Protein backbone atom coordinates (compact mmCIF):
# COMPACT_ATOMS: atom_id res chain seq x y z
CA MET A 1 0.00 0.00 0.00
CA SER A 2 1.37 3.39 -1.00
CA GLU A 3 2.27 5.78 1.79
CA GLU A 4 0.21 8.38 -0.06
CA HIS A 5 -3.01 6.37 0.39
CA VAL A 6 -5.52 7.70 2.87
CA VAL A 7 -7.17 5.13 5.13
CA ARG A 8 -10.01 6.25 7.39
CA MET A 9 -12.53 4.58 9.62
CA ALA A 10 -15.89 6.05 10.52
CA GLU A 11 -18.16 4.83 13.30
CA LEU A 12 -21.77 5.90 13.10
CA LYS A 13 -24.70 5.41 15.42
CA ILE A 14 -27.96 5.36 13.47
CA ASP A 15 -31.47 5.96 14.80
CA PRO A 16 -32.78 2.35 14.97
CA ALA A 17 -36.16 3.43 13.56
CA MET A 18 -34.39 4.66 10.41
CA LEU A 19 -31.81 1.88 10.07
CA GLU A 20 -33.16 0.20 6.94
CA ALA A 21 -33.49 3.51 5.09
CA TYR A 22 -29.98 4.47 6.17
CA ARG A 23 -28.52 1.15 5.01
CA ALA A 24 -30.12 1.58 1.57
CA LEU A 25 -28.70 5.09 1.17
CA LEU A 26 -25.26 3.95 2.36
CA ALA A 27 -25.22 1.05 -0.11
CA GLU A 28 -26.20 3.42 -2.94
CA GLU A 29 -23.42 5.86 -1.97
CA ILE A 30 -20.76 3.14 -1.73
CA GLU A 31 -21.75 1.66 -5.10
CA ALA A 32 -21.57 5.08 -6.79
CA SER A 33 -18.28 6.05 -5.13
CA VAL A 34 -16.47 2.86 -6.12
CA ALA A 35 -17.93 2.84 -9.65
CA LEU A 36 -17.47 6.53 -10.48
CA GLU A 37 -14.38 7.68 -8.56
CA GLU A 38 -11.01 6.39 -9.65
CA GLY A 39 -9.49 7.59 -6.36
CA VAL A 40 -11.85 5.56 -4.17
CA LEU A 41 -9.96 2.28 -3.82
CA SER A 42 -12.37 0.59 -1.42
CA LEU A 43 -15.27 1.25 0.91
CA SER A 44 -16.46 -1.45 3.30
CA ALA A 45 -19.37 -1.05 5.72
CA VAL A 46 -20.29 -3.41 8.53
CA SER A 47 -22.68 -3.32 11.47
CA LEU A 48 -22.03 -4.73 14.92
CA LYS A 49 -23.80 -8.07 15.44
CA ASP A 50 -24.99 -7.17 18.93
CA ASP A 51 -25.87 -3.57 17.94
CA PRO A 52 -26.93 -3.32 14.26
CA SER A 53 -27.45 0.45 14.56
CA THR A 54 -23.68 0.87 15.04
CA ILE A 55 -22.05 1.01 11.61
CA ARG A 56 -18.32 1.04 10.87
CA ILE A 57 -16.98 2.06 7.49
CA LEU A 58 -13.39 1.41 6.35
CA GLU A 59 -12.42 3.83 3.58
CA VAL A 60 -9.32 3.65 1.36
CA TYR A 61 -8.48 6.48 -1.03
CA ALA A 62 -5.60 6.76 -3.52
CA SER A 63 -4.53 10.11 -2.04
CA SER A 64 -5.63 12.99 0.14
CA GLN A 65 -6.73 14.75 -3.06
CA ALA A 66 -8.96 11.78 -3.91
CA TYR A 67 -10.48 11.92 -0.42
CA GLU A 68 -11.12 15.67 -0.69
CA ALA A 69 -12.65 15.20 -4.17
CA HIS A 70 -14.90 12.43 -2.81
CA LEU A 71 -16.39 14.81 -0.24
CA LYS A 72 -17.57 17.12 -3.05
CA THR A 73 -19.22 14.55 -5.34
CA PRO A 74 -22.98 14.74 -5.97
CA HIS A 75 -23.54 11.18 -4.69
CA PHE A 76 -21.69 11.85 -1.40
CA LEU A 77 -23.47 15.18 -0.86
CA LYS A 78 -26.82 13.45 -1.50
CA TYR A 79 -25.94 10.74 1.02
CA LYS A 80 -24.92 13.35 3.64
CA SER A 81 -28.07 15.43 3.20
CA GLU A 82 -30.51 12.51 3.07
CA THR A 83 -29.01 10.72 6.09
CA ALA A 84 -28.45 13.81 8.27
CA GLY A 85 -31.55 13.17 10.39
CA MET A 86 -30.75 9.46 10.73
CA VAL A 87 -27.24 9.75 12.18
CA VAL A 88 -27.21 10.05 15.97
CA SER A 89 -23.40 10.30 16.13
CA LEU A 90 -20.40 10.16 13.83
CA THR A 91 -16.82 9.54 14.92
CA LEU A 92 -13.98 9.68 12.43
CA ILE A 93 -11.18 7.43 13.67
CA GLU A 94 -7.65 8.11 12.46
CA VAL A 95 -5.95 4.82 11.58
CA ASP A 96 -2.60 3.65 10.24
CA PRO A 97 -2.81 0.60 7.99
CA ILE A 98 -0.62 -2.31 9.04
CA MET A 99 -1.40 -4.76 6.23
CA MET A 100 -4.29 -4.59 3.78
CA ARG A 101 -4.72 -7.00 0.90
CA ALA A 102 -7.64 -7.99 -1.31
CA LYS A 103 -8.09 -10.29 -4.25
CA SER A 104 -8.90 -8.53 -7.49
């Protein structure tokens, strides 16, 4: 993994009454980001088994410029605006990758 890559983790707490709607919007945003943005290398979202309204997203971008560009895309801005009332809390966790590999 290049030292220039940006790896971030987000932890979100979603209003349980809005969880299914949130998950649908998140899936739509991830699909668009990976398909349309060359600089989005991977986005993976999971929920905690014992607390499905807690979502963690691992984000990998080709560069800080790719990350900044991602934040300005129409699909990301739509996701942010449409989920604003669903997100109870958002914590961005700074991480350093140790080893990340995926099959192509």
